[in-house]
Amino acid sequence: MTIKPIRNEDDLKRVFRRLEKIFQAGEGSAQADERDVLVTLIEAYENKHYDFGPADPVEAIKFRMEQDGLTPRDLEPFIGPSGRVSEVLNRKRPLSLRMVKRLHDGLNIPYESLLTEAS
């Protein structure tokens, strides 16, 4: 395994191509070690060269819903009645700190992703 720094977009594309080939490597293998190093290099390059801005709480919730196959009804224990869930998802109501805590505890959404607009 020869690891080189990512210095430009061409290097980044090269690393992504390699990562695609070894992404499913079994834990403990040399390819898994290489994968972990490449992911770290990519993260470092992206953090230095791209400004992703603060996380969007609604997008974080929608992402978790998509990942876990959740419906708006599944959010009721964390946000409240269906009308309130709808208001949050449609950006008509900000998240309260209570909602943030429940979403974090119940759905493991990072606080950093939820707190950018909490009131």
C-alpha atoms as a PDB file:
ATOM      1  CA  MET A   1       0.000   0.000   0.000  1.00  0.00           C
ATOM      2  CA  THR A   2       1.472   3.319  -1.091  1.00  0.00           C
ATOM      3  CA  ILE A   3      -0.290   6.276   0.461  1.00  0.00           C
ATOM      4  CA  LYS A   4       0.283   9.795  -0.874  1.00  0.00           C
ATOM      5  CA  PRO A   5      -1.171  13.119   0.261  1.00  0.00           C
ATOM      6  CA  ILE A   6      -4.200  14.531  -1.527  1.00  0.00           C
ATOM      7  CA  ARG A   7      -3.033  17.835  -2.990  1.00  0.00           C
ATOM      8  CA  ASN A   8      -5.645  18.583  -5.667  1.00  0.00           C
ATOM      9  CA  GLU A   9      -8.925  17.446  -7.225  1.00  0.00           C
ATOM     10  CA  ASP A  10      -7.190  14.895  -9.470  1.00  0.00           C
ATOM     11  CA  ASP A  11      -5.602  13.288  -6.414  1.00  0.00           C
ATOM     12  CA  LEU A  12      -8.991  13.300  -4.703  1.00  0.00           C
ATOM     13  CA  LYS A  13     -10.632  11.525  -7.657  1.00  0.00           C
ATOM     14  CA  ARG A  14      -7.824   8.956  -7.712  1.00  0.00           C
ATOM     15  CA  VAL A  15      -8.303   8.241  -4.003  1.00  0.00           C
ATOM     16  CA  PHE A  16     -12.077   7.930  -4.414  1.00  0.00           C
ATOM     17  CA  ARG A  17     -11.598   5.413  -7.236  1.00  0.00           C
ATOM     18  CA  ARG A  18      -9.318   3.340  -5.021  1.00  0.00           C
ATOM     19  CA  LEU A  19     -11.676   3.645  -2.084  1.00  0.00           C
ATOM     20  CA  GLU A  20     -14.559   2.314  -4.191  1.00  0.00           C
ATOM     21  CA  LYS A  21     -12.533  -0.836  -4.885  1.00  0.00           C
ATOM     22  CA  ILE A  22     -11.690  -1.585  -1.255  1.00  0.00           C
ATOM     23  CA  PHE A  23     -14.644  -0.097   0.611  1.00  0.00           C
ATOM     24  CA  GLN A  24     -16.148  -3.482   1.555  1.00  0.00           C
ATOM     25  CA  ALA A  25     -12.859  -4.918   2.817  1.00  0.00           C
ATOM     26  CA  GLY A  26     -13.124  -7.156   5.853  1.00  0.00           C
ATOM     27  CA  GLU A  27     -12.116  -5.663   9.188  1.00  0.00           C
ATOM     28  CA  GLY A  28      -8.561  -6.412  10.188  1.00  0.00           C
ATOM     29  CA  SER A  29      -7.363  -6.841   6.610  1.00  0.00           C
ATOM     30  CA  ALA A  30      -4.669  -4.750   4.938  1.00  0.00           C
ATOM     31  CA  GLN A  31      -7.316  -3.321   2.607  1.00  0.00           C
ATOM     32  CA  ALA A  32      -9.460  -2.279   5.580  1.00  0.00           C
ATOM     33  CA  ASP A  33      -6.457  -0.472   7.030  1.00  0.00           C
ATOM     34  CA  GLU A  34      -5.878   1.233   3.689  1.00  0.00           C
ATOM     35  CA  ARG A  35      -9.571   2.182   3.517  1.00  0.00           C
ATOM     36  CA  ASP A  36      -9.420   3.793   6.947  1.00  0.00           C
ATOM     37  CA  VAL A  37      -6.318   5.793   6.021  1.00  0.00           C
ATOM     38  CA  LEU A  38      -7.872   6.939   2.738  1.00  0.00           C
ATOM     39  CA  VAL A  39     -11.070   8.045   4.483  1.00  0.00           C
ATOM     40  CA  THR A  40      -8.974  10.093   6.914  1.00  0.00           C
ATOM     41  CA  LEU A  41      -7.069  11.701   4.046  1.00  0.00           C
ATOM     42  CA  ILE A  42     -10.291  12.533   2.214  1.00  0.00           C
ATOM     43  CA  GLU A  43     -11.819  14.073   5.332  1.00  0.00           C
ATOM     44  CA  ALA A  44      -8.725  16.191   5.932  1.00  0.00           C
ATOM     45  CA  TYR A  45      -8.680  17.412   2.328  1.00  0.00           C
ATOM     46  CA  GLU A  46     -12.407  18.203   2.309  1.00  0.00           C
ATOM     47  CA  ASN A  47     -12.273  20.009   5.652  1.00  0.00           C
ATOM     48  CA  LYS A  48      -9.453  22.164   4.342  1.00  0.00           C
ATOM     49  CA  HIS A  49     -10.878  22.898   0.877  1.00  0.00           C
ATOM     50  CA  TYR A  50     -14.666  22.826   1.198  1.00  0.00           C
ATOM     51  CA  ASP A  51     -16.922  24.877   3.427  1.00  0.00           C
ATOM     52  CA  PHE A  52     -19.949  22.733   4.090  1.00  0.00           C
ATOM     53  CA  GLY A  53     -21.398  25.269   6.520  1.00  0.00           C
ATOM     54  CA  PRO A  54     -23.402  24.383   9.576  1.00  0.00           C
ATOM     55  CA  ALA A  55     -25.588  21.316   9.511  1.00  0.00           C
ATOM     56  CA  ASP A  56     -29.273  21.793   8.777  1.00  0.00           C
ATOM     57  CA  PRO A  57     -31.434  20.215  11.498  1.00  0.00           C
ATOM     58  CA  VAL A  58     -34.338  19.377   9.185  1.00  0.00           C
ATOM     59  CA  GLU A  59     -32.003  17.749   6.667  1.00  0.00           C
ATOM     60  CA  ALA A  60     -30.384  15.769   9.498  1.00  0.00           C
ATOM     61  CA  ILE A  61     -33.822  14.503  10.558  1.00  0.00           C
ATOM     62  CA  LYS A  62     -34.815  13.650   6.982  1.00  0.00           C
ATOM     63  CA  PHE A  63     -31.516  11.856   6.456  1.00  0.00           C
ATOM     64  CA  ARG A  64     -32.131   9.709   9.562  1.00  0.00           C
ATOM     65  CA  MET A  65     -35.688   9.036   8.400  1.00  0.00           C
ATOM     66  CA  GLU A  66     -34.377   7.825   5.050  1.00  0.00           C
ATOM     67  CA  GLN A  67     -31.644   5.713   6.661  1.00  0.00           C
ATOM     68  CA  ASP A  68     -34.021   4.008   9.078  1.00  0.00           C
ATOM     69  CA  GLY A  69     -37.123   3.882   6.860  1.00  0.00           C
ATOM     70  CA  LEU A  70     -39.073   6.152   9.205  1.00  0.00           C
ATOM     71  CA  THR A  71     -42.292   8.004   8.461  1.00  0.00           C
ATOM     72  CA  PRO A  72     -43.378  11.337   9.923  1.00  0.00           C
ATOM     73  CA  ARG A  73     -45.623   9.395  12.303  1.00  0.00           C
ATOM     74  CA  ASP A  74     -42.508   7.680  13.699  1.00  0.00           C
ATOM     75  CA  LEU A  75     -41.215  11.116  14.765  1.00  0.00           C
ATOM     76  CA  GLU A  76     -44.196  11.871  17.008  1.00  0.00           C
ATOM     77  CA  PRO A  77     -42.569  10.481  20.198  1.00  0.00           C
ATOM     78  CA  PHE A  78     -39.640  12.855  19.651  1.00  0.00           C
ATOM     79  CA  ILE A  79     -41.306  15.992  18.259  1.00  0.00           C
ATOM     80  CA  GLY A  80     -44.963  15.805  19.255  1.00  0.00           C
ATOM     81  CA  PRO A  81     -48.311  15.445  17.464  1.00  0.00           C
ATOM     82  CA  SER A  82     -48.430  14.998  13.692  1.00  0.00           C
ATOM     83  CA  GLY A  83     -49.171  18.692  13.100  1.00  0.00           C
ATOM     84  CA  ARG A  84     -46.024  19.686  14.949  1.00  0.00           C
ATOM     85  CA  VAL A  85     -43.956  17.090  13.068  1.00  0.00           C
ATOM     86  CA  SER A  86     -45.272  18.517   9.805  1.00  0.00           C
ATOM     87  CA  GLU A  87     -44.428  22.077  10.865  1.00  0.00           C
ATOM     88  CA  VAL A  88     -40.861  21.069  11.774  1.00  0.00           C
ATOM     89  CA  LEU A  89     -40.300  19.106   8.557  1.00  0.00           C
ATOM     90  CA  ASN A  90     -41.695  22.011   6.507  1.00  0.00           C
ATOM     91  CA  ARG A  91     -39.524  24.531   8.388  1.00  0.00           C
ATOM     92  CA  LYS A  92     -42.503  26.376   9.852  1.00  0.00           C
ATOM     93  CA  ARG A  93     -41.508  25.591  13.445  1.00  0.00           C
ATOM     94  CA  PRO A  94     -37.985  25.495  14.877  1.00  0.00           C
ATOM     95  CA  LEU A  95     -36.852  22.632  17.056  1.00  0.00           C
ATOM     96  CA  SER A  96     -37.105  23.218  20.788  1.00  0.00           C
ATOM     97  CA  LEU A  97     -34.341  22.046  23.086  1.00  0.00           C
ATOM     98  CA  ARG A  98     -36.666  19.314  24.350  1.00  0.00           C
ATOM     99  CA  MET A  99     -37.171  18.056  20.770  1.00  0.00           C
ATOM    100  CA  VAL A 100     -33.414  18.166  20.161  1.00  0.00           C
ATOM    101  CA  LYS A 101     -32.739  16.044  23.238  1.00  0.00           C
ATOM    102  CA  ARG A 102     -35.423  13.517  22.320  1.00  0.00           C
ATOM    103  CA  LEU A 103     -34.216  13.255  18.708  1.00  0.00           C
ATOM    104  CA  HIS A 104     -30.645  12.802  19.886  1.00  0.00           C
ATOM    105  CA  ASP A 105     -31.521  10.210  22.528  1.00  0.00           C
ATOM    106  CA  GLY A 106     -34.089   8.336  20.442  1.00  0.00           C
ATOM    107  CA  LEU A 107     -32.647   8.474  16.933  1.00  0.00           C
ATOM    108  CA  ASN A 108     -28.956   9.094  17.661  1.00  0.00           C
ATOM    109  CA  ILE A 109     -28.861  12.274  15.587  1.00  0.00           C
ATOM    110  CA  PRO A 110     -25.785  14.257  16.696  1.00  0.00           C
ATOM    111  CA  TYR A 111     -26.479  17.351  18.771  1.00  0.00           C
ATOM    112  CA  GLU A 112     -24.265  19.353  16.409  1.00  0.00           C
ATOM    113  CA  SER A 113     -26.652  18.621  13.557  1.00  0.00           C
ATOM    114  CA  LEU A 114     -29.743  19.560  15.537  1.00  0.00           C
ATOM    115  CA  LEU A 115     -28.693  22.632  17.509  1.00  0.00           C
ATOM    116  CA  THR A 116     -28.027  25.134  14.742  1.00  0.00           C
ATOM    117  CA  GLU A 117     -31.572  26.515  14.934  1.00  0.00           C
ATOM    118  CA  ALA A 118     -32.918  25.290  18.296  1.00  0.00           C
ATOM    119  CA  SER A 119     -34.775  27.810  20.418  1.00  0.00           C
END
